[in-house]
Structures are given as structure tokens and as C-alpha cells.
Protein backbone atom coordinates (compact mmCIF):
# COMPACT_ATOMS: atom_id res chain seq x y z
CA MET A 1 50.16 -29.20 -1.15
CA VAL A 2 51.39 -29.95 2.80
CA VAL A 3 50.32 -32.40 5.41
CA GLY A 4 49.10 -30.97 8.89
CA VAL A 5 49.51 -33.28 12.26
CA SER A 6 48.08 -32.30 15.42
CA VAL A 7 48.22 -34.48 18.49
CA PHE A 8 45.50 -33.68 21.74
CA GLU A 9 45.96 -34.29 25.49
CA LEU A 10 42.57 -34.08 26.85
CA HIS A 11 41.61 -34.23 30.73
CA VAL A 12 37.99 -35.50 31.34
CA PRO A 13 37.50 -34.37 34.58
CA GLY A 14 33.65 -35.90 34.81
CA SER A 15 34.54 -39.22 34.11
CA ARG A 16 34.30 -41.92 36.32
CA GLY A 17 34.97 -45.08 33.96
CA LEU A 18 36.58 -45.78 30.39
CA LYS A 19 32.92 -45.60 29.34
CA GLU A 20 31.84 -42.25 30.16
CA LYS A 21 35.66 -41.27 28.89
CA ARG A 22 35.06 -42.79 25.64
CA LYS A 23 31.63 -41.00 24.97
CA VAL A 24 33.03 -38.16 25.22
CA VAL A 25 35.72 -38.29 23.62
CA LYS A 26 33.77 -40.21 20.47
CA SER A 27 31.86 -37.52 20.47
CA LEU A 28 34.56 -35.16 20.04
CA ILE A 29 35.81 -37.22 17.13
CA ASP A 30 32.93 -37.81 15.45
CA ARG A 31 32.37 -33.89 15.45
CA ILE A 32 36.16 -33.44 13.91
CA HIS A 33 35.28 -35.75 11.27
CA LYS A 34 32.14 -34.48 10.26
CA ARG A 35 33.16 -30.49 10.45
CA PHE A 36 36.57 -30.69 8.69
CA ARG A 37 36.35 -34.27 6.99
CA VAL A 38 40.19 -35.18 8.14
CA SER A 39 41.96 -38.26 9.69
CA VAL A 40 41.50 -38.31 13.56
CA ALA A 41 41.58 -41.16 16.44
CA GLU A 42 41.92 -41.40 19.70
CA THR A 43 45.82 -42.47 19.37
CA GLY A 44 46.66 -42.81 23.84
CA HIS A 45 45.62 -43.26 27.16
CA HIS A 46 43.47 -46.10 26.00
CA ASP A 47 43.10 -47.56 30.21
CA LEU A 48 43.00 -44.42 32.12
CA HIS A 49 39.71 -42.82 33.17
CA GLN A 50 40.03 -39.19 32.74
CA ARG A 51 43.00 -38.99 30.11
CA ALA A 52 42.69 -38.93 26.10
CA GLU A 53 44.99 -38.45 23.47
CA ILE A 54 43.20 -37.76 19.65
CA SER A 55 45.39 -37.36 16.68
CA VAL A 56 44.25 -35.72 13.71
CA ALA A 57 45.97 -35.61 9.88
CA VAL A 58 44.91 -32.69 7.70
CA ILE A 59 46.04 -31.82 3.83
CA GLY A 60 46.37 -28.47 2.61
CA GLN A 61 47.36 -26.42 -0.30
CA ASP A 62 49.68 -24.43 1.36
CA TYR A 63 51.47 -23.43 4.43
CA ALA A 64 48.81 -21.03 5.67
CA ASP A 65 46.03 -23.71 5.04
CA GLY A 66 47.77 -25.85 7.17
CA GLU A 67 48.25 -23.46 10.37
CA ARG A 68 44.57 -22.33 9.50
CA LEU A 69 43.14 -26.10 9.71
CA LEU A 70 45.34 -27.00 12.57
CA ASP A 71 44.18 -23.58 14.30
CA ALA A 72 40.74 -23.99 13.50
CA LEU A 73 40.64 -27.90 14.82
CA ARG A 74 42.43 -26.37 17.91
CA GLU A 75 39.21 -24.15 18.83
CA LEU A 76 36.99 -26.82 18.01
CA VAL A 77 38.43 -29.02 20.52
CA GLU A 78 39.14 -26.03 23.37
CA SER A 79 35.13 -26.00 23.44
CA GLU A 80 34.48 -29.40 24.09
CA PRO A 81 32.95 -28.74 27.82
CA GLN A 82 33.47 -31.73 28.86
CA ALA A 83 37.33 -31.91 28.20
CA MET A 84 39.93 -29.69 28.97
CA LEU A 85 42.52 -29.54 26.75
CA THR A 86 46.05 -29.61 28.56
CA SER A 87 48.66 -30.24 25.46
CA TRP A 88 48.43 -29.49 21.73
CA ASP A 89 51.37 -30.35 19.45
CA ALA A 90 50.96 -29.22 15.68
CA GLN A 91 53.17 -29.49 12.89
CA VAL A 92 52.76 -28.37 8.95
CA LEU A 93 55.17 -30.50 6.62
CA GLU A 94 56.14 -28.50 3.94
CA GLY A 95 57.10 -29.61 0.08
CA VAL A 96 54.93 -33.16 0.27
CA GLY A 97 54.16 -34.46 -3.89
């Protein structure tokens, strides 16, 4: 078993306020959770209008499975039309359990 952790930094250019940003971020978080059934949360930049941080934790059977899952998550985040992925940090931790 492996654990994967990924942190996504996003720019939300169309947001003029926190309500608009949170609408975009919440929608993305809901889609991530619904599609992949992973732990996901907004973890940073709560008070900035056009910047967001989302973190995700996943469990996979092996290293390749963890990498595939994190790559699929990145593809989903990159496909969000209302946000631009500015930074992505992913780690797969082997030998857990």
C-alpha cells in the first residue's frame, strides 16, 4: 500500500471576491471527491480573491497506482476552465503499513 499527497496552487482570474472564488473551488473539490473518492480540502489562501490551494490524499495498491491516480487528479484540475493550475506538488510515500 502507498499513500499519495498532492497540493495544487490555483489562480482564479475571474474571481472578484471570496464568494466567487469559493464557488469555483468548492465545485472543483466536489468533482474531485465524487470522481475519485479521495480526501480533498481547500488548505490555503483562504482570504485571497484569486488564489487557492487544494490538497488531496490518496491510497493506492503500489507506487505505479499512486502515481497514476495523482496524474489523473492533475488532469482533472488542469481541465477546470475557471482556474489555472500554477503549481503542483505530488508525493507518493512507499512502504506504508
